[in-house]
Protein backbone atom coordinates (compact mmCIF):
# COMPACT_ATOMS: atom_id res chain seq x y z
CA MET A 1 79.34 0.69 108.17
CA LYS A 2 76.06 2.32 107.15
CA GLN A 3 75.84 3.93 110.10
CA MET A 4 79.35 5.53 110.20
CA SER A 5 78.26 6.85 106.37
CA TRP A 6 75.30 8.51 107.73
CA VAL A 7 77.35 10.14 110.76
CA VAL A 8 80.02 11.63 108.31
CA LEU A 9 77.07 12.68 105.79
CA SER A 10 75.38 14.73 108.54
CA LEU A 11 78.59 16.41 110.03
CA ALA A 12 79.42 17.69 106.16
CA MET A 13 76.00 18.99 105.80
CA LEU A 14 75.92 20.82 109.30
CA GLN A 15 79.35 22.11 108.50
CA GLY A 16 78.23 23.58 104.77
CA CYS A 17 75.00 25.19 106.42
CA GLN A 18 77.32 27.20 109.03
CA GLN A 19 79.61 28.30 106.26
CA GLY A 20 76.69 29.78 104.22
CA GLU A 21 75.40 31.74 107.18
CA GLY A 22 78.63 34.50 107.04
CA ILE A 23 78.85 37.41 109.67
CA THR A 24 76.12 39.93 109.92
CA PRO A 25 77.39 43.39 109.60
CA PRO A 26 77.03 46.02 112.54
CA ALA A 27 73.99 48.51 112.08
CA PRO A 28 75.04 51.75 110.86
CA LEU A 29 75.20 54.76 113.48
CA THR A 30 71.77 56.72 113.82
CA VAL A 31 71.86 60.61 113.86
CA SER A 32 69.67 63.26 114.05
CA THR A 33 69.68 65.99 111.23
CA VAL A 34 68.47 69.37 110.47
CA THR A 35 67.42 71.13 107.25
CA VAL A 36 68.84 74.29 106.07
CA THR A 37 66.05 76.84 104.96
CA GLU A 38 66.33 80.30 103.52
CA SER A 39 68.78 82.89 104.47
CA VAL A 40 68.52 85.71 106.66
CA ALA A 41 69.97 89.52 106.39
CA SER A 42 71.09 91.38 109.27
CA GLN A 43 71.63 95.31 108.89
CA TYR A 44 72.77 96.17 112.35
CA ARG A 45 76.13 94.31 113.61
CA ARG A 46 77.86 94.69 116.71
CA PHE A 47 81.83 94.52 117.26
CA ASN A 48 83.86 93.81 120.44
CA GLY A 49 87.17 95.54 120.64
CA GLN A 50 89.40 97.16 123.04
CA VAL A 51 90.96 100.62 123.55
CA GLU A 52 94.80 101.02 122.93
CA ALA A 53 97.20 103.73 123.43
CA ALA A 54 97.00 106.42 120.91
CA GLU A 55 100.21 106.81 119.13
CA LEU A 56 102.28 104.70 121.32
CA THR A 57 105.86 105.61 120.91
CA PRO A 58 108.93 104.15 122.65
CA LEU A 59 111.82 106.55 123.03
CA ALA A 60 115.50 105.98 123.40
CA PHE A 61 118.62 107.55 123.58
CA ARG A 62 120.95 107.81 120.36
CA VAL A 63 124.04 107.25 122.43
CA GLU A 64 125.12 104.81 124.75
CA GLY A 65 125.96 105.42 128.49
CA GLU A 66 124.62 104.90 131.96
CA LEU A 67 121.36 106.50 133.14
CA LYS A 68 122.14 109.40 135.86
CA GLN A 69 118.20 110.34 136.30
CA ILE A 70 115.00 109.01 135.35
CA THR A 71 112.57 112.08 136.22
CA VAL A 72 109.12 110.42 135.18
CA ARG A 73 107.09 107.43 136.27
CA THR A 74 104.27 105.39 134.53
CA GLY A 75 101.03 107.04 134.07
CA GLN A 76 102.36 110.75 134.64
CA ARG A 77 101.26 113.37 131.99
CA VAL A 78 104.08 115.41 130.28
CA THR A 79 104.47 118.27 127.86
CA GLN A 80 106.44 118.38 124.56
CA GLY A 81 110.23 119.36 125.43
CA GLN A 82 110.04 118.03 128.81
CA THR A 83 112.94 116.14 130.21
CA LEU A 84 112.08 112.31 130.73
CA ALA A 85 115.49 110.69 131.34
CA VAL A 86 119.28 112.14 131.74
CA LEU A 87 122.66 110.02 130.72
CA ASP A 88 125.89 110.68 132.60
CA ALA A 89 127.50 113.10 130.34
CA ASP A 90 131.03 113.19 131.63
CA LYS A 91 132.47 111.19 128.98
CA PHE A 92 130.77 113.55 126.26
CA ASP A 93 131.84 116.73 127.86
CA GLN A 94 135.27 115.68 127.62
CA GLN A 95 135.10 114.48 124.01
CA LEU A 96 133.58 117.88 123.66
CA ARG A 97 136.37 120.12 124.92
CA ASP A 98 138.58 118.01 122.99
CA ALA A 99 136.82 118.45 119.86
CA LYS A 100 136.91 122.27 120.29
CA VAL A 101 140.48 122.48 121.03
CA GLN A 102 141.21 120.87 117.86
CA PHE A 103 138.91 122.78 115.72
CA GLU A 104 140.21 126.07 117.36
CA LEU A 105 144.05 124.87 116.62
CA ALA A 106 143.03 123.82 112.86
CA THR A 107 141.39 127.32 112.60
CA LYS A 108 144.63 129.22 113.63
CA GLN A 109 146.74 126.68 111.43
CA LEU A 110 144.31 127.87 108.65
CA GLN A 111 144.77 131.76 109.07
CA ARG A 112 148.54 131.22 109.03
CA GLY A 113 148.48 129.20 106.13
CA ARG A 114 146.62 131.64 104.05
CA GLU A 115 149.17 134.46 105.14
CA LEU A 116 152.03 132.40 103.99
CA HIS A 117 150.36 131.28 100.85
CA SER A 118 149.61 135.35 99.93
CA ARG A 119 153.48 135.32 100.44
CA ASN A 120 154.17 132.19 98.23
CA MET A 121 155.86 130.48 101.13
CA VAL A 122 152.86 127.78 100.95
CA SER A 123 152.02 125.66 98.25
CA ASN A 124 148.26 125.29 96.94
CA ALA A 125 148.34 121.73 97.82
CA GLU A 126 149.23 122.42 101.53
CA LEU A 127 146.81 125.34 101.85
CA ASP A 128 143.88 122.73 100.50
CA GLU A 129 145.30 120.31 103.28
CA LEU A 130 144.80 122.95 105.74
CA ILE A 131 141.18 123.91 104.72
CA ALA A 132 140.19 120.15 104.79
CA ASN A 133 141.84 119.63 108.24
CA GLN A 134 139.64 122.63 109.31
CA ARG A 135 136.51 121.40 108.09
CA LEU A 136 137.22 118.29 109.27
CA THR A 137 137.72 119.39 113.23
CA GLN A 138 134.41 121.54 112.55
CA VAL A 139 132.54 118.64 111.72
CA GLN A 140 133.87 116.63 114.57
CA TYR A 141 133.18 119.65 116.92
CA ALA A 142 129.67 119.84 115.91
CA SER A 143 128.90 116.25 116.32
CA ALA A 144 130.39 116.52 119.77
CA LYS A 145 128.16 119.03 120.70
CA ALA A 146 125.25 116.92 119.22
CA ARG A 147 126.09 113.92 121.52
CA VAL A 148 126.04 116.33 124.71
CA GLY A 149 122.65 117.08 123.77
CA TYR A 150 121.63 113.61 123.26
CA THR A 151 122.20 112.81 126.79
CA HIS A 152 118.89 114.41 127.50
CA LEU A 153 115.65 112.61 126.26
CA THR A 154 112.67 114.89 126.26
CA ALA A 155 109.09 114.42 125.01
CA PRO A 156 108.26 114.72 121.52
CA PHE A 157 104.82 115.61 122.26
CA ASN A 158 102.29 115.97 125.07
CA GLY A 159 101.03 112.66 126.29
CA VAL A 160 100.88 110.31 129.24
CA VAL A 161 104.01 107.85 130.47
CA ALA A 162 103.03 104.31 129.44
CA GLU A 163 106.00 102.47 130.53
CA VAL A 164 109.44 102.92 132.07
CA PRO A 165 111.29 99.55 131.82
CA LYS A 166 114.74 101.12 132.84
CA GLU A 167 116.07 102.40 136.32
CA ALA A 168 118.72 105.04 137.10
CA PHE A 169 122.27 103.81 136.96
CA GLU A 170 121.47 101.04 134.56
CA ALA A 171 123.47 100.89 131.51
CA VAL A 172 121.66 101.65 127.96
CA THR A 173 122.63 101.23 124.32
CA PRO A 174 121.21 103.20 121.34
CA GLY A 175 117.72 102.39 120.61
CA GLU A 176 117.06 100.62 123.84
CA THR A 177 113.56 101.84 125.16
CA VAL A 178 113.77 104.03 128.07
CA VAL A 179 110.46 105.45 128.27
CA SER A 180 106.93 104.83 126.46
CA LEU A 181 104.62 107.64 125.89
CA TYR A 182 101.16 107.88 124.19
CA GLN A 183 98.92 110.76 123.27
CA ASP A 184 96.22 111.11 125.57
CA ASP A 185 93.99 113.67 123.73
CA ARG A 186 92.61 110.72 121.38
CA VAL A 187 91.19 107.38 121.76
CA TYR A 188 92.06 104.72 119.62
CA ILE A 189 89.59 101.50 119.20
CA ASN A 190 91.25 98.24 117.78
CA ILE A 191 88.45 95.74 116.41
CA PRO A 192 89.10 92.52 115.19
CA VAL A 193 87.05 91.46 112.06
CA SER A 194 86.85 88.64 109.63
CA ASP A 195 87.72 88.42 106.26
CA THR A 196 84.18 88.92 104.80
CA VAL A 197 83.90 92.40 106.74
CA ILE A 198 87.04 93.51 105.11
CA ALA A 199 85.83 92.62 101.55
CA MET A 200 83.05 95.07 102.07
CA ILE A 201 84.91 97.93 102.46
CA ASN A 202 85.00 100.03 99.28
CA PRO A 203 86.45 103.76 99.83
CA GLN A 204 84.70 104.84 96.67
CA VAL A 205 81.23 103.90 97.71
CA ARG A 206 80.91 103.60 101.48
CA GLY A 207 79.55 106.37 103.35
CA ARG A 208 82.36 108.60 104.56
CA GLY A 209 80.20 110.80 106.69
CA TYR A 210 78.61 107.93 109.08
CA GLN A 211 80.25 107.41 112.49
CA PRO A 212 79.21 104.12 114.43
CA MET A 213 78.42 104.56 118.28
CA ALA A 214 80.87 103.04 120.72
CA TYR A 215 79.98 102.05 124.33
CA PHE A 216 82.70 101.61 126.68
CA GLY A 217 82.89 99.43 129.34
CA ALA A 218 78.99 98.88 130.88
CA GLU A 219 78.32 102.26 130.05
CA GLN A 220 75.10 103.10 128.57
CA THR A 221 75.98 106.26 126.86
CA GLY A 222 77.24 105.81 123.03
CA TYR A 223 79.72 108.02 121.72
CA PRO A 224 80.40 108.55 117.81
CA VAL A 225 83.77 107.29 116.38
CA SER A 226 85.60 107.92 113.11
CA TYR A 227 87.14 105.03 110.90
CA ARG A 228 91.06 105.30 110.57
CA GLU A 229 92.33 102.59 108.69
CA HIS A 230 92.60 98.50 108.87
CA THR A 231 95.13 95.78 108.30
CA SER A 232 95.25 93.60 105.03
CA GLU A 233 97.03 90.85 106.55
CA LEU A 234 95.73 88.14 109.02
CA ALA A 235 96.75 88.69 112.65
CA PRO A 236 99.04 84.96 113.17
CA GLN A 237 97.28 84.32 116.48
CA SER A 238 93.66 85.05 116.02
CA GLN A 239 93.31 84.70 112.53
CA THR A 240 91.52 88.07 112.10
CA TYR A 241 92.09 91.40 110.60
CA ARG A 242 92.35 94.66 112.48
CA MET A 243 90.41 97.67 112.26
CA TRP A 244 90.90 100.92 114.15
CA PHE A 245 88.44 103.82 115.02
CA ASP A 246 89.10 106.87 117.08
CA MET A 247 87.59 110.03 119.12
CA PRO A 248 88.43 112.75 120.92
CA GLN A 249 89.47 112.14 124.58
CA ARG A 250 86.67 112.88 127.24
CA GLU A 251 86.49 113.31 130.83
CA PRO A 252 86.93 111.15 132.78
CA ALA A 253 89.56 109.81 130.53
CA ILE A 254 88.90 106.63 128.80
CA LEU A 255 92.22 104.44 129.60
CA PRO A 256 93.98 101.76 127.31
CA GLY A 257 92.56 98.43 127.89
CA THR A 258 88.97 99.28 128.47
CA SER A 259 86.54 97.04 126.66
CA VAL A 260 84.43 98.59 123.61
CA THR A 261 81.38 97.50 121.90
CA LEU A 262 81.06 99.10 118.17
CA ASN A 263 77.47 99.00 116.99
CA VAL A 264 77.28 99.62 113.23
CA ASP A 265 74.61 100.23 110.85
CA MET A 266 75.77 98.55 107.94
CA THR A 267 73.43 100.21 105.38
CA ALA A 268 74.67 103.92 106.63
CA ALA A 269 77.95 102.91 106.52
CA GLY A 270 78.02 101.83 102.77
CA LEU A 271 78.63 98.33 103.63
CA SER A 272 76.52 94.89 102.30
CA THR A 273 74.02 93.77 104.80
CA GLN A 274 75.21 90.15 106.04
CA GLN A 275 73.52 87.34 104.37
CA GLY A 276 73.98 83.99 105.97
CA TYR A 277 72.07 80.66 107.07
CA VAL A 278 71.24 80.47 110.87
CA LEU A 279 72.32 77.22 112.03
CA PRO A 280 72.16 75.28 115.21
CA LEU A 281 75.18 75.32 117.45
CA LEU A 282 74.71 71.34 117.73
CA ALA A 283 75.71 71.43 114.14
CA LEU A 284 79.06 73.00 114.50
CA ASP A 285 82.35 70.90 114.78
CA ALA A 286 85.06 73.06 115.90
CA GLY A 287 88.38 72.69 113.76
CA GLN A 288 92.04 72.64 115.23
CA GLN A 289 92.47 76.61 114.77
CA ALA A 290 90.54 79.11 116.66
CA GLY A 291 87.55 80.41 114.58
CA GLN A 292 87.78 77.47 112.32
CA PHE A 293 84.37 75.51 112.15
CA PHE A 294 82.98 72.39 109.98
CA VAL A 295 79.59 70.86 109.72
CA TRP A 296 78.63 67.21 108.61
CA LYS A 297 76.27 67.07 105.47
CA TRP A 298 74.06 64.03 105.07
CA VAL A 299 74.00 62.93 101.22
CA ASP A 300 72.52 59.91 100.04
CA GLY A 301 73.11 58.02 103.15
CA GLU A 302 76.63 59.07 103.77
CA VAL A 303 78.47 62.21 105.73
CA GLN A 304 80.56 64.70 104.58
CA ARG A 305 82.93 67.41 106.33
CA VAL A 306 82.59 70.71 104.94
CA ALA A 307 84.39 73.74 106.25
CA VAL A 308 82.25 76.76 106.97
CA GLN A 309 82.55 80.63 107.71
CA VAL A 310 80.67 81.49 111.11
CA GLU A 311 80.00 85.22 111.08
CA LYS A 312 78.62 85.70 114.29
CA ILE A 313 76.65 84.08 116.86
CA ASN A 314 73.12 85.06 118.89
CA SER A 315 70.80 83.54 120.89
CA GLN A 316 69.28 81.63 117.76
CA GLY A 317 72.32 79.83 116.90
CA ALA A 318 75.27 80.70 114.60
CA ILE A 319 74.94 82.99 111.17
CA VAL A 320 77.04 81.06 108.27
CA SER A 321 77.89 83.00 105.41
CA ARG A 322 79.87 80.19 103.41
CA GLY A 323 79.80 76.33 103.04
CA VAL A 324 76.08 75.63 103.49
CA GLU A 325 73.25 76.01 100.97
CA GLN A 326 69.33 75.76 101.23
CA GLY A 327 68.26 72.62 101.51
CA ASP A 328 71.65 71.05 103.02
CA ARG A 329 70.80 68.27 105.40
CA LEU A 330 73.29 68.80 108.63
CA VAL A 331 73.81 66.23 111.07
CA THR A 332 73.39 67.47 114.68
CA SER A 333 74.52 64.50 116.89
CA SER A 334 77.52 62.01 117.35
CA LEU A 335 79.80 64.64 115.48
CA ARG A 336 82.65 62.97 117.14
CA LYS A 337 82.24 59.62 115.61
CA LEU A 338 81.49 60.53 112.19
CA ARG A 339 84.26 59.95 109.30
CA ASP A 340 84.18 61.51 105.64
CA GLY A 341 82.14 58.82 103.65
CA MET A 342 80.69 56.95 106.85
CA ALA A 343 77.27 55.44 105.80
CA VAL A 344 74.75 56.68 108.71
CA ALA A 345 70.77 56.12 109.64
CA LEU A 346 68.62 59.11 110.05
CA GLN A 347 66.27 59.06 113.11
CA PRO A 348 62.47 58.92 111.90
CA THR A 349 61.70 62.23 113.30
CA ALA A 350 64.61 64.19 111.87
CA SER A 351 63.15 68.02 112.30
CA SER A 352 64.02 71.27 110.24
CA PHE A 353 65.31 74.26 111.84
CA THR A 354 62.34 76.36 110.52
CA ALA A 355 62.07 80.11 109.97
CA SER A 356 60.21 80.90 113.23
CA GLU A 357 62.95 79.42 115.04
CA LYS A 358 65.57 81.58 113.36
CA GLN A 359 63.51 85.23 112.78
CA GLN A 360 66.20 88.19 112.21
CA MET A 361 67.12 89.80 115.16
CA ASN A 362 68.35 93.70 114.94
CA THR A 363 71.34 93.43 116.82
CA VAL A 364 73.73 90.25 116.67
CA THR A 365 76.89 90.08 118.26
CA GLU A 366 79.88 88.58 116.50
CA SER A 367 81.68 85.08 117.40
CA ALA A 368 84.26 85.54 120.02
CA GLN A 369 86.11 83.09 117.95
């Protein structure tokens, strides 16, 4: 009996010891970090863009009908007033003849009415009706003349045919594009820029006489270009603003679609030099949208996901103008495993991104994002 009691007591003591041990929590994720040091400034910036058609204008008929003839083709140079397309005018010619007959008849009736009115054989009301009818047929006659003229589509300016989406014998409706035309005496340059660049523009203080240099394709020769305008709304797909520059056309001609690089001296242009912090690309976490980036800041043993504004990328890293400050410690490893508020451990040899690693370059390339 005593032996049985000792066995029961031993089992109870063993169970109590096992319950007191508990479950050992997993070790926190170990990450490497980089410390943000002093900011840098860049006076020169390089923007990538594309040449687009100058004053691209879709041309259409004012009346409906069947295309009788298209006299131009894509890429053809045309002069102002040149016929581009012709509609079948049989219906409009008949309407013109009918309107002319009605107008001539109404004119003769008005002449007889005035003679009779002078003899007191026609009342004032009857004469007024004849006058109104004659004016109405006159308007109809002029309208029929205009419709016949509308059967010929002519070039409003000297230019080049960009596109001919219709073919002969097709039916067209008023306003439906038949030929697209653009001016070939000017070169238009379309440049996507970020909101920080748009914010720098101030017409009252910026250098109006300054002209950036444009380089087309792989050419080494630059051409001075002039600022035209910019948008005040974001493009829905790229989430960027647009700026346009232009220059006179040259020989050989620069065609729409040609890639272009625009070099801008920010100081000479009257704009602010770009201030920012150079971060290693490993510290950037891409977001869901184009051009959206985040970093993971290490604060008191935990990580926080913060949105940043990437202005440009060069061979040394990304220049970030917003979202980080000097002294911030950023995670550069295992970014996909991190969650907001997650506790992490640092590698014993955490290094800093030193000033020597991010010395300023004279020319930087804006991020394609």
